[in-house]
């Protein structure tokens, strides 16, 4: 039996997912949450094999400390010895969103307009730790430029850099340590093929990222 947690801030979406999943004898919805923070707490409480995670939630219980499904996924994987698998189920399919979720540790990425049969198949695959992607998502990953796609968090950092803020100020605004901000900048420089903050901002604007 695959024990599933539904994490989405829209009740109607959770109801729809539950209706599809509970029609299968080997799938059981064991809980529902409506925020990223609650998803982390529920995962850490145990008894969950797979989380169907939305990508974007409303404001979190702790003032957006953990605001996205990717953030929640990263937190779960960083704090648990045996974390549940995470399957993103969302409406968003930009390169940055997809890459951010995968880099955070999600094993799959499904769009909400996927037919029920595809959802069920993805759930079973993801629960076993196997990749589960919508066709459009898989095609994006195959065709994207590996150097230019920034994650949502990297875009947040770069947006702050563009305003002239220091690493310390960026860290305060995004609730990150200075070391984490520096790490994000290293990845940003590498992906954009630049060596400075000014060049990174210029390259991002040239590519339409800012």
N, C-alpha and C. Protein backbone atom coordinates (compact mmCIF):
# COMPACT_ATOMS: atom_id res chain seq x y z
N UNK A 1 0.84 -1.19 0.00
CA UNK A 1 0.00 0.00 0.00
C UNK A 1 0.88 1.26 0.00
N UNK A 2 0.64 2.16 -0.94
CA UNK A 2 1.38 3.41 -1.03
C UNK A 2 0.61 4.48 -0.26
N UNK A 3 1.24 5.02 0.79
CA UNK A 3 0.60 6.03 1.64
C UNK A 3 0.95 7.43 1.12
N UNK A 4 -0.07 8.19 0.80
CA UNK A 4 0.11 9.45 0.08
C UNK A 4 -0.37 10.65 0.89
N UNK A 5 0.44 11.71 0.86
CA UNK A 5 0.07 13.00 1.45
C UNK A 5 -0.19 13.98 0.32
N UNK A 6 -1.33 14.67 0.38
CA UNK A 6 -1.66 15.68 -0.62
C UNK A 6 -1.32 17.06 -0.06
N UNK A 7 -0.47 17.80 -0.76
CA UNK A 7 -0.06 19.14 -0.31
C UNK A 7 -0.40 20.15 -1.40
N UNK A 8 -1.50 20.86 -1.21
CA UNK A 8 -1.96 21.85 -2.18
C UNK A 8 -2.84 22.85 -1.44
N UNK A 9 -2.71 24.14 -1.77
CA UNK A 9 -3.49 25.14 -1.04
C UNK A 9 -4.90 25.33 -1.58
N UNK A 10 -5.29 24.54 -2.58
CA UNK A 10 -6.65 24.60 -3.10
C UNK A 10 -7.40 23.30 -2.77
N UNK A 11 -8.44 23.44 -1.98
CA UNK A 11 -9.19 22.26 -1.54
C UNK A 11 -9.77 21.49 -2.71
N UNK A 12 -10.22 22.19 -3.73
CA UNK A 12 -10.84 21.51 -4.87
C UNK A 12 -9.82 20.62 -5.59
N UNK A 13 -8.55 21.04 -5.61
CA UNK A 13 -7.50 20.23 -6.23
C UNK A 13 -7.27 18.97 -5.39
N UNK A 14 -7.22 19.14 -4.08
CA UNK A 14 -7.02 17.98 -3.20
C UNK A 14 -8.17 17.00 -3.33
N UNK A 15 -9.38 17.51 -3.43
CA UNK A 15 -10.55 16.64 -3.59
C UNK A 15 -10.46 15.84 -4.89
N UNK A 16 -10.03 16.52 -5.96
CA UNK A 16 -9.90 15.84 -7.25
C UNK A 16 -8.84 14.76 -7.23
N UNK A 17 -7.69 15.07 -6.63
CA UNK A 17 -6.61 14.09 -6.53
C UNK A 17 -7.06 12.89 -5.69
N UNK A 18 -7.71 13.18 -4.57
CA UNK A 18 -8.18 12.10 -3.69
C UNK A 18 -9.16 11.18 -4.43
N UNK A 19 -10.07 11.78 -5.19
CA UNK A 19 -11.07 11.00 -5.91
C UNK A 19 -10.42 10.02 -6.89
N UNK A 20 -9.36 10.48 -7.56
CA UNK A 20 -8.67 9.61 -8.52
C UNK A 20 -7.88 8.52 -7.80
N UNK A 21 -7.12 8.91 -6.79
CA UNK A 21 -6.21 7.99 -6.13
C UNK A 21 -6.93 6.92 -5.31
N UNK A 22 -8.01 7.30 -4.64
CA UNK A 22 -8.68 6.34 -3.77
C UNK A 22 -9.50 5.31 -4.54
N UNK A 23 -9.53 5.46 -5.85
CA UNK A 23 -10.17 4.43 -6.67
C UNK A 23 -9.24 3.28 -6.99
N UNK A 24 -7.97 3.40 -6.54
CA UNK A 24 -6.97 2.37 -6.79
C UNK A 24 -6.72 1.57 -5.51
N UNK A 25 -6.72 0.23 -5.59
CA UNK A 25 -6.60 -0.61 -4.39
C UNK A 25 -5.27 -0.49 -3.66
N UNK A 26 -4.20 -0.08 -4.35
CA UNK A 26 -2.88 -0.03 -3.73
C UNK A 26 -2.47 1.38 -3.31
N UNK A 27 -3.40 2.35 -3.44
CA UNK A 27 -3.09 3.73 -3.09
C UNK A 27 -4.00 4.20 -1.96
N UNK A 28 -3.41 4.90 -0.98
CA UNK A 28 -4.20 5.39 0.15
C UNK A 28 -3.76 6.81 0.52
N UNK A 29 -4.70 7.74 0.50
CA UNK A 29 -4.42 9.11 0.92
C UNK A 29 -4.51 9.15 2.44
N UNK A 30 -3.39 9.45 3.09
CA UNK A 30 -3.34 9.43 4.55
C UNK A 30 -3.39 10.82 5.17
N UNK A 31 -3.38 11.86 4.33
CA UNK A 31 -3.44 13.20 4.88
C UNK A 31 -3.48 14.28 3.82
N UNK A 32 -3.92 15.46 4.22
CA UNK A 32 -3.96 16.62 3.34
C UNK A 32 -3.43 17.83 4.10
N UNK A 33 -2.66 18.67 3.43
CA UNK A 33 -2.18 19.93 4.01
C UNK A 33 -2.30 21.02 2.96
N UNK A 34 -2.32 22.27 3.43
CA UNK A 34 -2.53 23.37 2.50
C UNK A 34 -1.38 24.36 2.46
N UNK A 35 -0.25 24.03 3.10
CA UNK A 35 0.91 24.92 3.04
C UNK A 35 2.19 24.11 2.96
N UNK A 36 3.25 24.77 2.53
CA UNK A 36 4.55 24.11 2.42
C UNK A 36 5.06 23.71 3.80
N UNK A 37 4.88 24.60 4.80
CA UNK A 37 5.33 24.28 6.15
C UNK A 37 4.62 23.05 6.69
N UNK A 38 3.31 22.98 6.45
CA UNK A 38 2.54 21.83 6.93
C UNK A 38 2.98 20.55 6.25
N UNK A 39 3.40 20.65 4.98
CA UNK A 39 3.89 19.47 4.26
C UNK A 39 5.16 18.94 4.91
N UNK A 40 6.04 19.87 5.30
CA UNK A 40 7.28 19.47 5.97
C UNK A 40 6.97 18.78 7.29
N UNK A 41 6.07 19.39 8.07
CA UNK A 41 5.72 18.83 9.38
C UNK A 41 5.07 17.46 9.24
N UNK A 42 4.19 17.30 8.28
CA UNK A 42 3.51 16.02 8.08
C UNK A 42 4.49 14.94 7.64
N UNK A 43 5.42 15.31 6.78
CA UNK A 43 6.43 14.34 6.33
C UNK A 43 7.29 13.89 7.50
N UNK A 44 7.70 14.85 8.32
CA UNK A 44 8.57 14.54 9.45
C UNK A 44 7.85 13.71 10.51
N UNK A 45 6.52 13.78 10.55
CA UNK A 45 5.75 12.99 11.51
C UNK A 45 5.74 11.51 11.13
N UNK A 46 6.05 11.20 9.87
CA UNK A 46 6.15 9.81 9.43
C UNK A 46 4.85 9.24 8.89
N UNK A 47 4.93 8.03 8.40
CA UNK A 47 3.76 7.34 7.89
C UNK A 47 3.37 7.74 6.48
N UNK A 48 4.30 8.37 5.75
CA UNK A 48 4.02 8.82 4.38
C UNK A 48 5.07 8.26 3.44
N UNK A 49 4.63 7.67 2.34
CA UNK A 49 5.56 7.14 1.34
C UNK A 49 5.80 8.12 0.20
N UNK A 50 4.78 8.92 -0.11
CA UNK A 50 4.85 9.82 -1.26
C UNK A 50 4.05 11.08 -0.98
N UNK A 51 4.62 12.22 -1.36
CA UNK A 51 3.90 13.50 -1.25
C UNK A 51 3.60 14.01 -2.64
N UNK A 52 2.33 14.32 -2.90
CA UNK A 52 1.96 15.02 -4.12
C UNK A 52 1.99 16.50 -3.77
N UNK A 53 3.01 17.19 -4.22
CA UNK A 53 3.33 18.55 -3.77
C UNK A 53 3.04 19.60 -4.83
N UNK A 54 2.28 20.61 -4.44
CA UNK A 54 2.09 21.76 -5.33
C UNK A 54 3.40 22.55 -5.35
N UNK A 55 3.61 23.32 -6.39
CA UNK A 55 4.85 24.08 -6.48
C UNK A 55 4.75 25.42 -5.75
N UNK A 56 3.62 26.07 -5.88
CA UNK A 56 3.46 27.39 -5.27
C UNK A 56 2.27 27.41 -4.32
N UNK A 57 2.53 27.87 -3.11
CA UNK A 57 1.49 27.99 -2.09
C UNK A 57 1.27 29.46 -1.76
N UNK A 58 0.21 29.72 -0.98
CA UNK A 58 0.02 31.05 -0.44
C UNK A 58 1.04 31.27 0.67
N UNK A 59 0.93 32.41 1.36
CA UNK A 59 1.87 32.73 2.44
C UNK A 59 1.89 31.62 3.48
N UNK A 60 3.07 31.23 3.90
CA UNK A 60 3.22 30.13 4.84
C UNK A 60 2.92 30.54 6.28
N UNK A 61 2.83 29.55 7.16
CA UNK A 61 2.50 29.78 8.56
C UNK A 61 3.56 30.59 9.27
N UNK A 62 4.79 30.54 8.78
CA UNK A 62 5.89 31.25 9.45
C UNK A 62 6.38 32.42 8.60
N UNK A 63 5.46 33.08 7.92
CA UNK A 63 5.85 34.26 7.15
C UNK A 63 6.69 33.95 5.94
N UNK A 64 6.35 32.89 5.22
CA UNK A 64 7.00 32.51 3.97
C UNK A 64 8.45 32.04 4.17
N UNK A 65 8.75 31.49 5.35
CA UNK A 65 10.08 30.91 5.56
C UNK A 65 10.27 29.77 4.56
N UNK A 66 9.25 28.95 4.43
CA UNK A 66 9.24 27.92 3.38
C UNK A 66 8.02 28.23 2.53
N UNK A 67 8.23 28.76 1.34
CA UNK A 67 7.11 29.28 0.56
C UNK A 67 6.71 28.42 -0.62
N UNK A 68 7.59 27.59 -1.11
CA UNK A 68 7.29 26.81 -2.31
C UNK A 68 7.42 25.32 -2.07
N UNK A 69 6.86 24.57 -3.01
CA UNK A 69 6.99 23.12 -2.92
C UNK A 69 8.43 22.67 -3.04
N UNK A 70 9.22 23.40 -3.84
CA UNK A 70 10.64 23.06 -3.97
C UNK A 70 11.37 23.29 -2.64
N UNK A 71 11.04 24.40 -1.97
CA UNK A 71 11.65 24.67 -0.67
C UNK A 71 11.29 23.58 0.34
N UNK A 72 10.01 23.19 0.34
CA UNK A 72 9.55 22.16 1.26
C UNK A 72 10.25 20.83 0.98
N UNK A 73 10.40 20.51 -0.30
CA UNK A 73 11.06 19.28 -0.69
C UNK A 73 12.50 19.25 -0.20
N UNK A 74 13.20 20.36 -0.40
CA UNK A 74 14.59 20.45 0.05
C UNK A 74 14.69 20.30 1.57
N UNK A 75 13.75 20.93 2.28
CA UNK A 75 13.74 20.87 3.74
C UNK A 75 13.50 19.43 4.22
N UNK A 76 12.57 18.77 3.59
CA UNK A 76 12.26 17.38 3.96
C UNK A 76 13.47 16.49 3.75
N UNK A 77 14.11 16.63 2.63
CA UNK A 77 15.25 15.77 2.31
C UNK A 77 16.47 16.09 3.18
N UNK A 78 16.55 17.32 3.63
CA UNK A 78 17.70 17.71 4.45
C UNK A 78 17.54 17.31 5.91
N UNK A 79 16.31 17.09 6.34
CA UNK A 79 16.07 16.86 7.77
C UNK A 79 15.63 15.44 8.10
N UNK A 80 15.45 14.59 7.10
CA UNK A 80 14.98 13.23 7.36
C UNK A 80 15.96 12.18 6.83
N UNK A 81 16.18 11.15 7.62
CA UNK A 81 17.08 10.08 7.19
C UNK A 81 16.47 9.28 6.06
N UNK A 82 15.17 9.05 6.13
CA UNK A 82 14.46 8.30 5.09
C UNK A 82 13.22 9.11 4.66
N UNK A 83 13.43 10.16 3.90
CA UNK A 83 12.31 11.03 3.51
C UNK A 83 11.39 10.35 2.51
N UNK A 84 10.11 10.74 2.51
CA UNK A 84 9.20 10.23 1.48
C UNK A 84 9.58 10.79 0.12
N UNK A 85 9.20 10.11 -0.92
CA UNK A 85 9.41 10.64 -2.27
C UNK A 85 8.46 11.80 -2.50
N UNK A 86 8.85 12.70 -3.40
CA UNK A 86 8.01 13.86 -3.71
C UNK A 86 7.73 13.91 -5.21
N UNK A 87 6.45 14.00 -5.55
CA UNK A 87 6.01 14.18 -6.93
C UNK A 87 5.35 15.54 -7.03
N UNK A 88 5.95 16.45 -7.78
CA UNK A 88 5.35 17.76 -7.98
C UNK A 88 4.13 17.63 -8.88
N UNK A 89 3.04 18.25 -8.47
CA UNK A 89 1.83 18.29 -9.29
C UNK A 89 1.41 19.76 -9.35
N UNK A 90 1.61 20.38 -10.51
CA UNK A 90 1.49 21.83 -10.58
C UNK A 90 1.02 22.29 -11.96
N UNK A 91 0.70 23.58 -12.04
CA UNK A 91 0.34 24.17 -13.33
C UNK A 91 1.54 24.83 -14.02
N UNK A 92 2.65 24.95 -13.29
CA UNK A 92 3.79 25.72 -13.79
C UNK A 92 4.81 24.82 -14.48
N UNK A 93 5.23 25.23 -15.68
CA UNK A 93 6.15 24.37 -16.44
C UNK A 93 7.32 25.15 -17.05
N UNK A 94 7.75 26.23 -16.40
CA UNK A 94 8.92 26.94 -16.90
C UNK A 94 10.18 26.13 -16.59
N UNK A 95 11.24 26.38 -17.34
CA UNK A 95 12.50 25.68 -17.11
C UNK A 95 12.97 25.87 -15.68
N UNK A 96 12.88 27.11 -15.17
CA UNK A 96 13.37 27.40 -13.83
C UNK A 96 12.57 26.65 -12.78
N UNK A 97 11.25 26.59 -12.94
CA UNK A 97 10.40 25.87 -11.98
C UNK A 97 10.74 24.39 -11.97
N UNK A 98 10.84 23.81 -13.15
CA UNK A 98 11.11 22.37 -13.26
C UNK A 98 12.47 22.03 -12.67
N UNK A 99 13.48 22.80 -13.10
CA UNK A 99 14.84 22.52 -12.63
C UNK A 99 14.95 22.73 -11.12
N UNK A 100 14.30 23.77 -10.61
CA UNK A 100 14.34 24.03 -9.18
C UNK A 100 13.75 22.89 -8.37
N UNK A 101 12.65 22.33 -8.85
CA UNK A 101 12.00 21.22 -8.15
C UNK A 101 12.86 19.96 -8.19
N UNK A 102 13.43 19.67 -9.34
CA UNK A 102 14.27 18.48 -9.47
C UNK A 102 15.53 18.60 -8.63
N UNK A 103 16.14 19.79 -8.66
CA UNK A 103 17.35 20.00 -7.87
C UNK A 103 17.05 19.94 -6.37
N UNK A 104 15.82 20.27 -5.98
CA UNK A 104 15.45 20.21 -4.57
C UNK A 104 15.24 18.77 -4.11
N UNK A 105 15.07 17.86 -5.08
CA UNK A 105 14.93 16.45 -4.71
C UNK A 105 13.65 15.78 -5.14
N UNK A 106 12.79 16.49 -5.86
CA UNK A 106 11.56 15.86 -6.35
C UNK A 106 11.91 14.78 -7.36
N UNK A 107 11.25 13.64 -7.25
CA UNK A 107 11.54 12.53 -8.15
C UNK A 107 10.72 12.61 -9.43
N UNK A 108 9.69 13.46 -9.41
CA UNK A 108 8.85 13.60 -10.60
C UNK A 108 8.18 14.94 -10.68
N UNK A 109 7.64 15.27 -11.85
CA UNK A 109 7.03 16.57 -12.09
C UNK A 109 5.87 16.37 -13.06
N UNK A 110 4.66 16.56 -12.54
CA UNK A 110 3.45 16.30 -13.33
C UNK A 110 2.61 17.56 -13.40
N UNK A 111 2.04 17.82 -14.55
CA UNK A 111 1.15 18.97 -14.70
C UNK A 111 -0.27 18.59 -14.31
N UNK A 112 -1.01 19.55 -13.79
CA UNK A 112 -2.34 19.25 -13.25
C UNK A 112 -3.36 18.87 -14.31
N UNK A 113 -3.05 19.12 -15.57
CA UNK A 113 -3.99 18.72 -16.61
C UNK A 113 -3.73 17.30 -17.12
N UNK A 114 -2.84 16.57 -16.43
CA UNK A 114 -2.55 15.18 -16.81
C UNK A 114 -3.80 14.32 -16.61
N UNK A 115 -4.07 13.39 -17.51
CA UNK A 115 -5.23 12.51 -17.34
C UNK A 115 -5.05 11.60 -16.13
N UNK A 116 -6.15 11.13 -15.54
CA UNK A 116 -6.07 10.27 -14.35
C UNK A 116 -5.15 9.07 -14.50
N UNK A 117 -5.17 8.43 -15.65
CA UNK A 117 -4.33 7.24 -15.83
C UNK A 117 -2.85 7.61 -15.75
N UNK A 118 -2.49 8.79 -16.24
CA UNK A 118 -1.10 9.24 -16.17
C UNK A 118 -0.72 9.59 -14.73
N UNK A 119 -1.66 10.18 -14.00
CA UNK A 119 -1.42 10.50 -12.60
C UNK A 119 -1.15 9.24 -11.78
N UNK A 120 -1.98 8.25 -11.95
CA UNK A 120 -1.83 7.00 -11.20
C UNK A 120 -0.51 6.33 -11.52
N UNK A 121 -0.16 6.30 -12.80
CA UNK A 121 1.10 5.68 -13.21
C UNK A 121 2.28 6.44 -12.62
N UNK A 122 2.20 7.77 -12.62
CA UNK A 122 3.28 8.59 -12.08
C UNK A 122 3.42 8.38 -10.58
N UNK A 123 2.31 8.24 -9.88
CA UNK A 123 2.33 8.00 -8.43
C UNK A 123 3.05 6.70 -8.11
N UNK A 124 2.72 5.66 -8.84
CA UNK A 124 3.35 4.36 -8.58
C UNK A 124 4.84 4.39 -8.90
N UNK A 125 5.19 5.06 -9.99
CA UNK A 125 6.59 5.16 -10.38
C UNK A 125 7.38 5.98 -9.36
N UNK A 126 6.83 7.13 -8.98
CA UNK A 126 7.52 8.02 -8.04
C UNK A 126 7.68 7.36 -6.67
N UNK A 127 6.68 6.61 -6.24
CA UNK A 127 6.74 5.95 -4.94
C UNK A 127 7.90 4.96 -4.86
N UNK A 128 8.30 4.44 -6.00
CA UNK A 128 9.43 3.50 -6.06
C UNK A 128 10.75 4.22 -6.27
N UNK A 129 10.70 5.55 -6.34
CA UNK A 129 11.92 6.32 -6.52
C UNK A 129 12.33 6.49 -7.97
N UNK A 130 11.42 6.15 -8.88
CA UNK A 130 11.71 6.29 -10.31
C UNK A 130 11.19 7.62 -10.84
N UNK A 131 11.84 8.13 -11.86
CA UNK A 131 11.45 9.39 -12.46
C UNK A 131 10.04 9.30 -13.04
N UNK A 132 9.26 10.36 -12.82
CA UNK A 132 7.90 10.41 -13.36
C UNK A 132 7.64 11.82 -13.86
N UNK A 133 7.62 11.98 -15.17
CA UNK A 133 7.50 13.32 -15.76
C UNK A 133 6.37 13.37 -16.78
N UNK A 134 5.66 14.51 -16.80
CA UNK A 134 4.74 14.76 -17.90
C UNK A 134 5.57 14.84 -19.18
N UNK A 135 4.97 14.49 -20.30
CA UNK A 135 5.71 14.49 -21.56
C UNK A 135 6.28 15.87 -21.88
N UNK A 136 5.49 16.91 -21.65
CA UNK A 136 5.95 18.26 -21.96
C UNK A 136 7.13 18.64 -21.06
N UNK A 137 7.11 18.17 -19.81
CA UNK A 137 8.20 18.46 -18.88
C UNK A 137 9.46 17.72 -19.31
N UNK A 138 9.31 16.45 -19.66
CA UNK A 138 10.46 15.66 -20.09
C UNK A 138 11.10 16.28 -21.33
N UNK A 139 10.28 16.78 -22.25
CA UNK A 139 10.81 17.40 -23.46
C UNK A 139 11.57 18.68 -23.13
N UNK A 140 11.07 19.45 -22.17
CA UNK A 140 11.76 20.67 -21.77
C UNK A 140 13.13 20.36 -21.19
N UNK A 141 13.20 19.30 -20.38
CA UNK A 141 14.47 18.94 -19.77
C UNK A 141 15.47 18.47 -20.81
N UNK A 142 14.97 17.85 -21.87
CA UNK A 142 15.85 17.36 -22.92
C UNK A 142 16.38 18.47 -23.80
N UNK A 143 15.58 19.52 -23.95
CA UNK A 143 15.95 20.56 -24.91
C UNK A 143 16.50 21.82 -24.27
N UNK A 144 16.43 21.95 -22.94
CA UNK A 144 16.88 23.18 -22.28
C UNK A 144 18.39 23.34 -22.36
N UNK A 145 18.84 24.57 -22.28
CA UNK A 145 20.27 24.86 -22.20
C UNK A 145 20.73 24.63 -20.77
N UNK A 146 21.65 23.71 -20.53
CA UNK A 146 22.05 23.39 -19.17
C UNK A 146 22.75 24.52 -18.43
N UNK A 147 23.30 25.49 -19.14
CA UNK A 147 24.04 26.56 -18.47
C UNK A 147 23.16 27.75 -18.12
N UNK A 148 22.05 27.93 -18.86
CA UNK A 148 21.32 29.18 -18.69
C UNK A 148 20.10 29.09 -17.79
N UNK A 149 19.61 27.91 -17.47
CA UNK A 149 18.39 27.80 -16.68
C UNK A 149 18.68 27.99 -15.20
N UNK A 150 18.16 29.06 -14.63
CA UNK A 150 18.34 29.33 -13.22
C UNK A 150 17.16 28.79 -12.43
N UNK A 151 17.41 28.34 -11.22
CA UNK A 151 16.34 27.87 -10.36
C UNK A 151 15.56 29.07 -9.83
N UNK A 152 14.35 28.86 -9.31
CA UNK A 152 13.58 29.98 -8.74
C UNK A 152 14.36 30.72 -7.65
N UNK A 153 15.06 29.99 -6.78
CA UNK A 153 15.82 30.64 -5.71
C UNK A 153 16.98 31.46 -6.28
N UNK A 154 17.65 30.92 -7.31
CA UNK A 154 18.74 31.67 -7.95
C UNK A 154 18.22 32.95 -8.59
N UNK A 155 17.02 32.88 -9.18
CA UNK A 155 16.43 34.07 -9.77
C UNK A 155 16.09 35.10 -8.69
N UNK A 156 15.64 34.61 -7.52
CA UNK A 156 15.37 35.52 -6.41
C UNK A 156 16.64 36.24 -5.98
N UNK A 157 17.72 35.47 -5.85
CA UNK A 157 18.99 36.07 -5.44
C UNK A 157 19.47 37.07 -6.48
N UNK A 158 19.39 36.69 -7.75
CA UNK A 158 19.88 37.58 -8.81
C UNK A 158 19.04 38.85 -8.91
N UNK A 159 17.75 38.71 -8.67
CA UNK A 159 16.87 39.89 -8.68
C UNK A 159 17.29 40.86 -7.59
N UNK A 160 17.66 40.33 -6.44
CA UNK A 160 18.14 41.18 -5.34
C UNK A 160 19.49 41.81 -5.69
N UNK A 161 20.35 41.03 -6.33
CA UNK A 161 21.65 41.55 -6.75
C UNK A 161 21.45 42.74 -7.69
N UNK A 162 20.46 42.63 -8.57
CA UNK A 162 20.20 43.68 -9.56
C UNK A 162 19.79 45.00 -8.91
N UNK A 163 19.30 44.93 -7.67
CA UNK A 163 18.91 46.16 -6.96
C UNK A 163 20.09 46.77 -6.21
N UNK A 164 21.24 46.07 -6.26
CA UNK A 164 22.44 46.60 -5.61
C UNK A 164 22.63 46.15 -4.18
N UNK A 165 21.85 45.19 -3.73
CA UNK A 165 21.95 44.75 -2.34
C UNK A 165 23.19 43.89 -2.12
N UNK A 166 23.72 43.94 -0.90
CA UNK A 166 24.87 43.13 -0.53
C UNK A 166 24.43 41.70 -0.22
N UNK A 167 25.39 40.78 -0.13
CA UNK A 167 25.06 39.41 0.22
C UNK A 167 24.36 39.34 1.58
N UNK A 168 24.81 40.17 2.51
CA UNK A 168 24.21 40.17 3.84
C UNK A 168 22.75 40.60 3.77
N UNK A 169 22.47 41.66 3.02
CA UNK A 169 21.09 42.14 2.91
C UNK A 169 20.20 41.15 2.17
N UNK A 170 20.77 40.51 1.15
CA UNK A 170 20.02 39.50 0.41
C UNK A 170 19.67 38.34 1.34
N UNK A 171 20.64 37.94 2.13
CA UNK A 171 20.40 36.85 3.08
C UNK A 171 19.29 37.19 4.06
N UNK A 172 19.27 38.43 4.55
CA UNK A 172 18.23 38.85 5.48
C UNK A 172 16.85 38.84 4.81
N UNK A 173 16.80 39.34 3.59
CA UNK A 173 15.52 39.41 2.89
C UNK A 173 14.98 38.03 2.54
N UNK A 174 15.86 37.11 2.17
CA UNK A 174 15.43 35.77 1.73
C UNK A 174 15.57 34.72 2.83
N UNK A 175 15.96 35.16 4.02
CA UNK A 175 16.12 34.25 5.15
C UNK A 175 17.15 33.16 4.84
N UNK A 176 18.29 33.60 4.30
CA UNK A 176 19.39 32.71 3.96
C UNK A 176 20.65 33.19 4.65
N UNK A 177 21.61 32.29 4.86
CA UNK A 177 22.90 32.70 5.40
C UNK A 177 23.72 33.35 4.28
N UNK A 178 24.72 34.13 4.64
CA UNK A 178 25.57 34.74 3.63
C UNK A 178 26.28 33.66 2.81
N UNK A 179 26.66 32.57 3.48
CA UNK A 179 27.35 31.48 2.78
C UNK A 179 26.45 30.87 1.72
N UNK A 180 25.15 30.74 2.03
CA UNK A 180 24.20 30.19 1.06
C UNK A 180 24.03 31.13 -0.11
N UNK A 181 23.97 32.43 0.17
CA UNK A 181 23.86 33.42 -0.90
C UNK A 181 25.06 33.33 -1.83
N UNK A 182 26.25 33.22 -1.24
CA UNK A 182 27.47 33.11 -2.04
C UNK A 182 27.45 31.85 -2.91
N UNK A 183 26.95 30.77 -2.33
CA UNK A 183 26.85 29.51 -3.07
C UNK A 183 25.92 29.66 -4.27
N UNK A 184 24.79 30.33 -4.06
CA UNK A 184 23.86 30.57 -5.17
C UNK A 184 24.52 31.41 -6.25
N UNK A 185 25.30 32.41 -5.84
CA UNK A 185 25.96 33.27 -6.81
C UNK A 185 26.97 32.49 -7.65
N UNK A 186 27.69 31.57 -7.02
CA UNK A 186 28.65 30.73 -7.75
C UNK A 186 27.93 29.96 -8.85
N UNK A 187 26.77 29.37 -8.50
CA UNK A 187 26.00 28.61 -9.49
C UNK A 187 25.46 29.53 -10.59
N UNK A 188 25.02 30.71 -10.19
CA UNK A 188 24.50 31.67 -11.17
C UNK A 188 25.59 32.07 -12.16
N UNK A 189 26.78 32.39 -11.64
CA UNK A 189 27.89 32.76 -12.52
C UNK A 189 28.21 31.64 -13.52
N UNK A 190 28.22 30.41 -13.00
CA UNK A 190 28.55 29.27 -13.86
C UNK A 190 27.52 29.09 -14.96
N UNK A 191 26.26 29.17 -14.58
CA UNK A 191 25.19 28.95 -15.57
C UNK A 191 25.13 30.05 -16.62
N UNK A 192 25.46 31.28 -16.20
CA UNK A 192 25.40 32.39 -17.14
C UNK A 192 26.72 32.63 -17.85
N UNK A 193 27.77 31.90 -17.40
CA UNK A 193 29.07 32.05 -18.04
C UNK A 193 29.72 33.39 -17.77
N UNK A 194 29.55 33.90 -16.53
CA UNK A 194 30.11 35.20 -16.17
C UNK A 194 30.97 35.07 -14.91
N UNK A 195 31.62 36.19 -14.52
CA UNK A 195 32.51 36.15 -13.36
C UNK A 195 32.24 37.27 -12.36
N UNK A 196 31.21 38.06 -12.58
CA UNK A 196 30.95 39.16 -11.65
C UNK A 196 29.45 39.40 -11.52
N UNK A 197 29.09 40.13 -10.46
CA UNK A 197 27.69 40.46 -10.21
C UNK A 197 27.11 41.31 -11.35
N UNK A 198 27.90 42.30 -11.79
CA UNK A 198 27.44 43.19 -12.85
C UNK A 198 27.20 42.42 -14.15
N UNK A 199 28.12 41.52 -14.47
CA UNK A 199 27.98 40.72 -15.69
C UNK A 199 26.81 39.76 -15.59
N UNK A 200 26.57 39.22 -14.40
CA UNK A 200 25.45 38.30 -14.21
C UNK A 200 24.13 39.00 -14.45
N UNK A 201 24.00 40.21 -13.90
CA UNK A 201 22.77 40.97 -14.09
C UNK A 201 22.58 41.32 -15.56
N UNK A 202 23.66 41.73 -16.22
CA UNK A 202 23.58 42.10 -17.63
C UNK A 202 23.19 40.90 -18.49
N UNK A 203 23.80 39.74 -18.21
CA UNK A 203 23.50 38.53 -18.98
C UNK A 203 22.07 38.09 -18.77
N UNK A 204 21.60 38.19 -17.53
CA UNK A 204 20.22 37.79 -17.22
C UNK A 204 19.22 38.69 -17.94
N UNK A 205 19.50 39.98 -17.98
CA UNK A 205 18.62 40.90 -18.66
C UNK A 205 18.63 40.66 -20.17
N UNK A 206 19.77 40.32 -20.67
CA UNK A 206 19.91 40.04 -22.10
C UNK A 206 19.10 38.82 -22.49
N UNK A 207 19.02 37.83 -21.57
CA UNK A 207 18.27 36.60 -21.83
C UNK A 207 16.80 36.71 -21.43
N UNK A 208 16.41 37.87 -20.92
CA UNK A 208 15.01 38.06 -20.54
C UNK A 208 14.65 37.42 -19.20
N UNK A 209 15.67 37.13 -18.39
CA UNK A 209 15.40 36.52 -17.08
C UNK A 209 15.04 37.56 -16.03
N UNK A 210 15.43 38.80 -16.25
CA UNK A 210 15.12 39.88 -15.31
C UNK A 210 14.34 40.98 -16.04
